[in-house]
N, C-alpha and C. Protein backbone atom coordinates (compact mmCIF):
# COMPACT_ATOMS: atom_id res chain seq x y z
N UNK A 1 73.66 98.06 40.36
CA UNK A 1 72.34 98.33 40.91
C UNK A 1 72.02 97.28 41.97
N UNK A 2 71.56 97.70 43.13
CA UNK A 2 71.25 96.75 44.19
C UNK A 2 69.86 96.15 43.96
N UNK A 3 69.66 94.94 44.49
CA UNK A 3 68.37 94.28 44.30
C UNK A 3 67.26 95.01 45.07
N UNK A 4 66.02 94.89 44.60
CA UNK A 4 64.91 95.53 45.29
C UNK A 4 64.81 95.04 46.74
N UNK A 5 64.75 95.99 47.70
CA UNK A 5 64.69 95.61 49.11
C UNK A 5 63.68 96.42 49.91
N UNK A 6 63.14 97.47 49.35
CA UNK A 6 62.20 98.31 50.08
C UNK A 6 60.77 97.87 49.79
N UNK A 7 59.94 97.87 50.82
CA UNK A 7 58.54 97.51 50.65
C UNK A 7 57.92 98.35 49.54
N UNK A 8 57.24 97.68 48.62
CA UNK A 8 56.60 98.35 47.49
C UNK A 8 57.48 98.47 46.26
N UNK A 9 58.76 98.24 46.41
CA UNK A 9 59.68 98.37 45.27
C UNK A 9 59.37 97.28 44.23
N UNK A 10 59.31 97.70 42.98
CA UNK A 10 59.01 96.79 41.89
C UNK A 10 60.22 95.93 41.52
N UNK A 11 59.96 94.68 41.19
CA UNK A 11 61.01 93.81 40.67
C UNK A 11 61.17 94.08 39.18
N UNK A 12 62.34 93.77 38.66
CA UNK A 12 62.55 93.87 37.22
C UNK A 12 61.84 92.66 36.60
N UNK A 13 60.78 92.94 35.89
CA UNK A 13 59.99 91.90 35.24
C UNK A 13 60.27 91.86 33.75
N UNK A 14 59.47 91.10 33.04
CA UNK A 14 59.63 90.98 31.60
C UNK A 14 58.37 90.39 30.98
N UNK A 15 58.37 90.37 29.67
CA UNK A 15 57.29 89.75 28.90
C UNK A 15 57.86 88.57 28.13
N UNK A 16 57.05 87.53 27.99
CA UNK A 16 57.44 86.36 27.20
C UNK A 16 56.26 85.93 26.36
N UNK A 17 56.52 85.63 25.10
CA UNK A 17 55.50 85.03 24.25
C UNK A 17 55.58 83.53 24.44
N UNK A 18 54.45 82.94 24.79
CA UNK A 18 54.37 81.49 25.01
C UNK A 18 53.95 80.85 23.69
N UNK A 19 54.94 80.43 22.92
CA UNK A 19 54.67 79.80 21.63
C UNK A 19 54.45 78.30 21.83
N UNK A 20 53.85 77.66 20.85
CA UNK A 20 53.68 76.21 20.92
C UNK A 20 55.05 75.53 20.92
N UNK A 21 56.02 76.10 20.20
CA UNK A 21 57.38 75.54 20.23
C UNK A 21 57.95 75.57 21.65
N UNK A 22 57.70 76.65 22.39
CA UNK A 22 58.17 76.75 23.78
C UNK A 22 57.47 75.69 24.65
N UNK A 23 56.18 75.51 24.43
CA UNK A 23 55.42 74.49 25.17
C UNK A 23 55.96 73.10 24.85
N UNK A 24 56.22 72.84 23.58
CA UNK A 24 56.77 71.54 23.18
C UNK A 24 58.14 71.30 23.82
N UNK A 25 58.97 72.34 23.84
CA UNK A 25 60.30 72.22 24.45
C UNK A 25 60.17 71.95 25.94
N UNK A 26 59.22 72.63 26.59
CA UNK A 26 59.02 72.40 28.02
C UNK A 26 58.55 70.96 28.26
N UNK A 27 57.69 70.47 27.41
CA UNK A 27 57.23 69.07 27.55
C UNK A 27 58.41 68.12 27.47
N UNK A 28 59.31 68.37 26.52
CA UNK A 28 60.49 67.52 26.38
C UNK A 28 61.41 67.60 27.57
N UNK A 29 61.60 68.81 28.10
CA UNK A 29 62.50 68.99 29.23
C UNK A 29 61.92 68.42 30.52
N UNK A 30 60.61 68.54 30.69
CA UNK A 30 59.97 68.13 31.93
C UNK A 30 59.48 66.68 31.91
N UNK A 31 59.29 66.15 30.71
CA UNK A 31 58.71 64.81 30.59
C UNK A 31 57.20 64.81 30.69
N UNK A 32 56.58 66.01 30.77
CA UNK A 32 55.12 66.12 30.86
C UNK A 32 54.55 66.23 29.45
N UNK A 33 54.11 65.10 28.93
CA UNK A 33 53.58 65.05 27.56
C UNK A 33 52.07 64.94 27.54
N UNK A 34 51.42 65.52 28.54
CA UNK A 34 49.96 65.51 28.60
C UNK A 34 49.42 66.08 27.29
N UNK A 35 48.48 65.37 26.64
CA UNK A 35 47.97 65.85 25.34
C UNK A 35 47.25 67.19 25.40
N UNK A 36 46.84 67.64 26.58
CA UNK A 36 46.20 68.96 26.66
C UNK A 36 47.17 70.07 26.27
N UNK A 37 48.47 69.78 26.38
CA UNK A 37 49.49 70.75 26.01
C UNK A 37 49.96 70.59 24.57
N UNK A 38 49.82 69.40 24.02
CA UNK A 38 50.49 69.07 22.76
C UNK A 38 49.57 68.68 21.60
N UNK A 39 48.41 68.15 21.89
CA UNK A 39 47.53 67.58 20.85
C UNK A 39 46.30 68.48 20.68
N UNK A 40 46.30 69.23 19.59
CA UNK A 40 45.22 70.18 19.35
C UNK A 40 43.85 69.50 19.29
N UNK A 41 43.78 68.35 18.63
CA UNK A 41 42.51 67.63 18.51
C UNK A 41 42.00 67.20 19.88
N UNK A 42 42.88 66.61 20.68
CA UNK A 42 42.48 66.20 22.02
C UNK A 42 42.08 67.41 22.86
N UNK A 43 42.91 68.44 22.84
CA UNK A 43 42.68 69.62 23.67
C UNK A 43 41.35 70.29 23.33
N UNK A 44 40.92 70.19 22.07
CA UNK A 44 39.65 70.81 21.67
C UNK A 44 38.45 70.16 22.35
N UNK A 45 38.63 68.96 22.88
CA UNK A 45 37.52 68.25 23.55
C UNK A 45 37.50 68.51 25.05
N UNK A 46 38.47 69.29 25.56
CA UNK A 46 38.53 69.57 26.99
C UNK A 46 37.75 70.83 27.33
N UNK A 47 37.63 71.12 28.60
CA UNK A 47 36.90 72.32 29.03
C UNK A 47 37.56 73.60 28.55
N UNK A 48 38.85 73.54 28.18
CA UNK A 48 39.56 74.71 27.69
C UNK A 48 39.33 74.94 26.20
N UNK A 49 39.00 73.88 25.46
CA UNK A 49 38.70 73.99 24.05
C UNK A 49 39.91 74.17 23.15
N UNK A 50 41.08 74.18 23.72
CA UNK A 50 42.32 74.38 22.97
C UNK A 50 43.51 73.95 23.82
N UNK A 51 44.68 73.89 23.20
CA UNK A 51 45.88 73.56 23.96
C UNK A 51 46.18 74.68 24.96
N UNK A 52 46.74 74.27 26.09
CA UNK A 52 47.17 75.24 27.10
C UNK A 52 48.62 74.93 27.46
N UNK A 53 49.31 75.94 27.90
CA UNK A 53 50.69 75.77 28.33
C UNK A 53 50.73 75.11 29.71
N UNK A 54 51.83 74.46 30.00
CA UNK A 54 52.05 73.89 31.32
C UNK A 54 52.04 75.01 32.36
N UNK A 55 51.34 74.81 33.47
CA UNK A 55 51.39 75.79 34.55
C UNK A 55 52.80 75.99 35.06
N UNK A 56 53.56 74.90 35.06
CA UNK A 56 54.93 74.98 35.55
C UNK A 56 55.82 75.82 34.63
N UNK A 57 55.43 76.01 33.38
CA UNK A 57 56.17 76.90 32.50
C UNK A 57 56.02 78.34 33.00
N UNK A 58 54.82 78.70 33.42
CA UNK A 58 54.63 80.04 34.02
C UNK A 58 55.45 80.18 35.30
N UNK A 59 55.49 79.11 36.09
CA UNK A 59 56.29 79.15 37.31
C UNK A 59 57.78 79.31 36.98
N UNK A 60 58.22 78.68 35.90
CA UNK A 60 59.63 78.82 35.49
C UNK A 60 59.95 80.28 35.17
N UNK A 61 58.99 81.02 34.62
CA UNK A 61 59.20 82.44 34.36
C UNK A 61 59.41 83.21 35.67
N UNK A 62 58.65 82.84 36.70
CA UNK A 62 58.82 83.49 38.02
C UNK A 62 60.21 83.21 38.56
N UNK A 63 60.67 81.94 38.45
CA UNK A 63 62.03 81.60 38.91
C UNK A 63 63.07 82.42 38.15
N UNK A 64 62.85 82.60 36.86
CA UNK A 64 63.78 83.40 36.06
C UNK A 64 63.81 84.85 36.57
N UNK A 65 62.63 85.40 36.82
CA UNK A 65 62.56 86.78 37.31
C UNK A 65 63.27 86.92 38.66
N UNK A 66 63.06 85.97 39.54
CA UNK A 66 63.70 86.04 40.85
C UNK A 66 65.22 85.90 40.71
N UNK A 67 65.67 85.08 39.80
CA UNK A 67 67.11 84.92 39.56
C UNK A 67 67.72 86.20 39.01
N UNK A 68 66.98 86.91 38.19
CA UNK A 68 67.46 88.19 37.64
C UNK A 68 67.58 89.24 38.74
N UNK A 69 66.57 89.29 39.61
CA UNK A 69 66.53 90.32 40.65
C UNK A 69 67.43 90.03 41.83
N UNK A 70 67.61 88.76 42.15
CA UNK A 70 68.40 88.37 43.32
C UNK A 70 69.40 87.28 42.95
N UNK A 71 70.32 87.57 42.04
CA UNK A 71 71.29 86.54 41.62
C UNK A 71 72.09 86.07 42.83
N UNK A 72 72.32 84.81 42.91
CA UNK A 72 73.05 84.26 44.05
C UNK A 72 72.14 83.99 45.22
N UNK A 73 71.52 85.04 45.78
CA UNK A 73 70.66 84.88 46.95
C UNK A 73 69.47 83.96 46.64
N UNK A 74 68.90 84.11 45.45
CA UNK A 74 67.74 83.29 45.09
C UNK A 74 68.12 81.81 45.08
N UNK A 75 69.29 81.51 44.58
CA UNK A 75 69.73 80.11 44.49
C UNK A 75 70.29 79.60 45.82
N UNK A 76 70.31 80.47 46.82
CA UNK A 76 70.79 80.09 48.15
C UNK A 76 69.62 79.91 49.11
N UNK A 77 68.53 79.36 48.63
CA UNK A 77 67.41 79.05 49.51
C UNK A 77 66.13 79.80 49.22
N UNK A 78 66.00 80.37 48.02
CA UNK A 78 64.76 81.04 47.65
C UNK A 78 63.62 80.04 47.56
N UNK A 79 62.45 80.48 47.97
CA UNK A 79 61.26 79.62 47.88
C UNK A 79 60.12 80.39 47.25
N UNK A 80 59.17 79.66 46.73
CA UNK A 80 58.01 80.30 46.14
C UNK A 80 56.77 79.45 46.45
N UNK A 81 55.69 80.14 46.75
CA UNK A 81 54.40 79.50 46.99
C UNK A 81 53.43 80.16 46.02
N UNK A 82 52.84 79.37 45.13
CA UNK A 82 52.00 79.97 44.10
C UNK A 82 50.67 79.24 43.97
N UNK A 83 49.81 79.90 43.24
CA UNK A 83 48.50 79.34 42.89
C UNK A 83 48.30 79.61 41.40
N UNK A 84 47.91 78.58 40.68
CA UNK A 84 47.60 78.72 39.26
C UNK A 84 46.13 79.10 39.15
N UNK A 85 45.86 80.23 38.50
CA UNK A 85 44.50 80.77 38.50
C UNK A 85 43.83 80.85 37.14
N UNK A 86 44.62 80.75 36.07
CA UNK A 86 44.07 80.82 34.72
C UNK A 86 45.08 80.22 33.76
N UNK A 87 44.62 79.43 32.78
CA UNK A 87 45.57 78.83 31.85
C UNK A 87 46.12 79.83 30.84
N UNK A 88 47.36 79.62 30.46
CA UNK A 88 47.99 80.41 29.40
C UNK A 88 47.84 79.62 28.11
N UNK A 89 47.46 80.31 27.06
CA UNK A 89 47.23 79.69 25.76
C UNK A 89 48.43 80.00 24.86
N UNK A 90 48.95 78.98 24.16
CA UNK A 90 50.04 79.27 23.23
C UNK A 90 49.67 80.42 22.29
N UNK A 91 50.62 81.31 22.10
CA UNK A 91 50.41 82.50 21.29
C UNK A 91 50.26 83.76 22.12
N UNK A 92 49.98 83.60 23.42
CA UNK A 92 49.83 84.76 24.29
C UNK A 92 51.18 85.28 24.76
N UNK A 93 51.24 86.60 24.94
CA UNK A 93 52.41 87.21 25.56
C UNK A 93 52.04 87.51 27.01
N UNK A 94 52.75 86.87 27.93
CA UNK A 94 52.48 87.07 29.35
C UNK A 94 53.46 88.09 29.93
N UNK A 95 53.04 88.73 31.01
CA UNK A 95 53.89 89.66 31.74
C UNK A 95 54.22 89.03 33.08
N UNK A 96 55.50 88.96 33.38
CA UNK A 96 56.00 88.39 34.62
C UNK A 96 56.43 89.57 35.49
N UNK A 97 55.85 89.70 36.68
CA UNK A 97 56.12 90.89 37.48
C UNK A 97 55.99 90.60 38.96
N UNK A 98 56.46 91.55 39.77
CA UNK A 98 56.36 91.39 41.21
C UNK A 98 56.83 92.65 41.92
N UNK A 99 56.65 92.62 43.23
CA UNK A 99 57.10 93.73 44.07
C UNK A 99 57.42 93.21 45.46
N UNK A 100 58.23 93.98 46.18
CA UNK A 100 58.60 93.61 47.54
C UNK A 100 57.38 93.82 48.44
N UNK A 101 57.00 92.77 49.11
CA UNK A 101 55.85 92.80 50.02
C UNK A 101 56.28 93.24 51.42
N UNK A 102 57.36 92.64 51.91
CA UNK A 102 57.88 93.01 53.22
C UNK A 102 59.27 92.42 53.42
N UNK A 103 59.97 92.99 54.37
CA UNK A 103 61.28 92.49 54.76
C UNK A 103 61.14 92.04 56.22
N UNK A 104 61.63 90.85 56.51
CA UNK A 104 61.53 90.36 57.88
C UNK A 104 62.82 89.68 58.30
N UNK A 105 62.98 89.55 59.60
CA UNK A 105 64.17 88.88 60.12
C UNK A 105 63.73 87.66 60.92
N UNK A 106 64.39 86.54 60.67
CA UNK A 106 64.11 85.30 61.39
C UNK A 106 65.44 84.69 61.78
N UNK A 107 65.63 84.49 63.06
CA UNK A 107 66.87 83.87 63.55
C UNK A 107 68.12 84.60 63.13
N UNK A 108 68.06 85.92 63.10
CA UNK A 108 69.22 86.71 62.72
C UNK A 108 69.48 86.77 61.23
N UNK A 109 68.59 86.22 60.44
CA UNK A 109 68.74 86.23 58.98
C UNK A 109 67.61 87.05 58.37
N UNK A 110 67.94 87.86 57.39
CA UNK A 110 66.95 88.73 56.75
C UNK A 110 66.34 88.02 55.54
N UNK A 111 65.02 88.19 55.39
CA UNK A 111 64.29 87.61 54.26
C UNK A 111 63.46 88.70 53.59
N UNK A 112 63.41 88.66 52.28
CA UNK A 112 62.55 89.56 51.52
C UNK A 112 61.42 88.72 50.94
N UNK A 113 60.19 89.14 51.20
CA UNK A 113 59.02 88.47 50.63
C UNK A 113 58.49 89.34 49.50
N UNK A 114 58.25 88.71 48.37
CA UNK A 114 57.77 89.43 47.19
C UNK A 114 56.45 88.84 46.71
N UNK A 115 55.52 89.70 46.35
CA UNK A 115 54.34 89.26 45.63
C UNK A 115 54.78 89.07 44.19
N UNK A 116 54.41 87.93 43.59
CA UNK A 116 54.79 87.64 42.21
C UNK A 116 53.55 87.23 41.43
N UNK A 117 53.60 87.46 40.13
CA UNK A 117 52.46 87.10 39.28
C UNK A 117 52.90 86.95 37.83
N UNK A 118 52.11 86.18 37.11
CA UNK A 118 52.20 86.09 35.65
C UNK A 118 50.82 86.48 35.14
N UNK A 119 50.79 87.52 34.32
CA UNK A 119 49.51 88.07 33.86
C UNK A 119 49.35 87.83 32.35
N UNK A 120 48.16 87.37 31.99
CA UNK A 120 47.82 87.15 30.57
C UNK A 120 47.47 88.48 29.90
N UNK A 121 47.42 88.51 28.57
CA UNK A 121 47.08 89.76 27.88
C UNK A 121 45.67 90.27 28.23
N UNK A 122 44.80 89.38 28.67
CA UNK A 122 43.43 89.75 29.05
C UNK A 122 43.39 90.49 30.38
N UNK A 123 44.53 90.49 31.11
CA UNK A 123 44.58 91.07 32.44
C UNK A 123 44.37 90.04 33.53
N UNK A 124 43.93 88.85 33.15
CA UNK A 124 43.78 87.77 34.12
C UNK A 124 45.15 87.31 34.61
N UNK A 125 45.21 86.98 35.87
CA UNK A 125 46.44 86.42 36.42
C UNK A 125 46.44 84.91 36.13
N UNK A 126 47.52 84.45 35.52
CA UNK A 126 47.67 83.01 35.29
C UNK A 126 48.25 82.35 36.53
N UNK A 127 49.02 83.11 37.29
CA UNK A 127 49.71 82.61 38.48
C UNK A 127 49.87 83.78 39.44
N UNK A 128 49.65 83.53 40.71
CA UNK A 128 49.93 84.50 41.75
C UNK A 128 50.64 83.80 42.89
N UNK A 129 51.39 84.54 43.66
CA UNK A 129 52.06 83.91 44.79
C UNK A 129 53.01 84.82 45.52
N UNK A 130 53.78 84.17 46.39
CA UNK A 130 54.79 84.86 47.19
C UNK A 130 56.12 84.14 47.04
N UNK A 131 57.15 84.90 46.76
CA UNK A 131 58.51 84.37 46.70
C UNK A 131 59.28 84.95 47.87
N UNK A 132 60.07 84.10 48.52
CA UNK A 132 60.86 84.53 49.68
C UNK A 132 62.33 84.32 49.37
N UNK A 133 63.11 85.37 49.58
CA UNK A 133 64.55 85.36 49.27
C UNK A 133 65.33 85.59 50.56
N UNK A 134 66.28 84.69 50.87
CA UNK A 134 67.14 84.94 52.02
C UNK A 134 68.26 85.90 51.66
N UNK A 135 68.53 86.84 52.54
CA UNK A 135 69.66 87.76 52.33
C UNK A 135 70.62 87.60 53.50
N UNK A 136 71.87 87.40 53.20
CA UNK A 136 72.89 87.31 54.23
C UNK A 136 72.79 86.11 55.14
């Protein structure tokens, strides 16, 4: 199956449950041990009122989706520009999805721009952005 290349074509997305164990593992891998992610007592005193997942964990899901859809090409200069818009709470199942926004050529090289997002079960977007993949 060829990777999505037509404007409007949907990317192969997925769902992930963001467990506290996953958040803890991400903290260990990233070195980000901010108590808002790990300490329930501390997190309860913040504006969120509870622990939240690392925003970069949501971004890692986008990187995974792009790697699935564009193996090789994504790792050959793929970029992403995102905005974090809502926190993900451990226990939520998020949906990682995207679609081809446009195809453009720059300097004889073709690029695919994709709208990407991570959506919470409430329908709120936790992350939105654009991923750009070089082809050829």
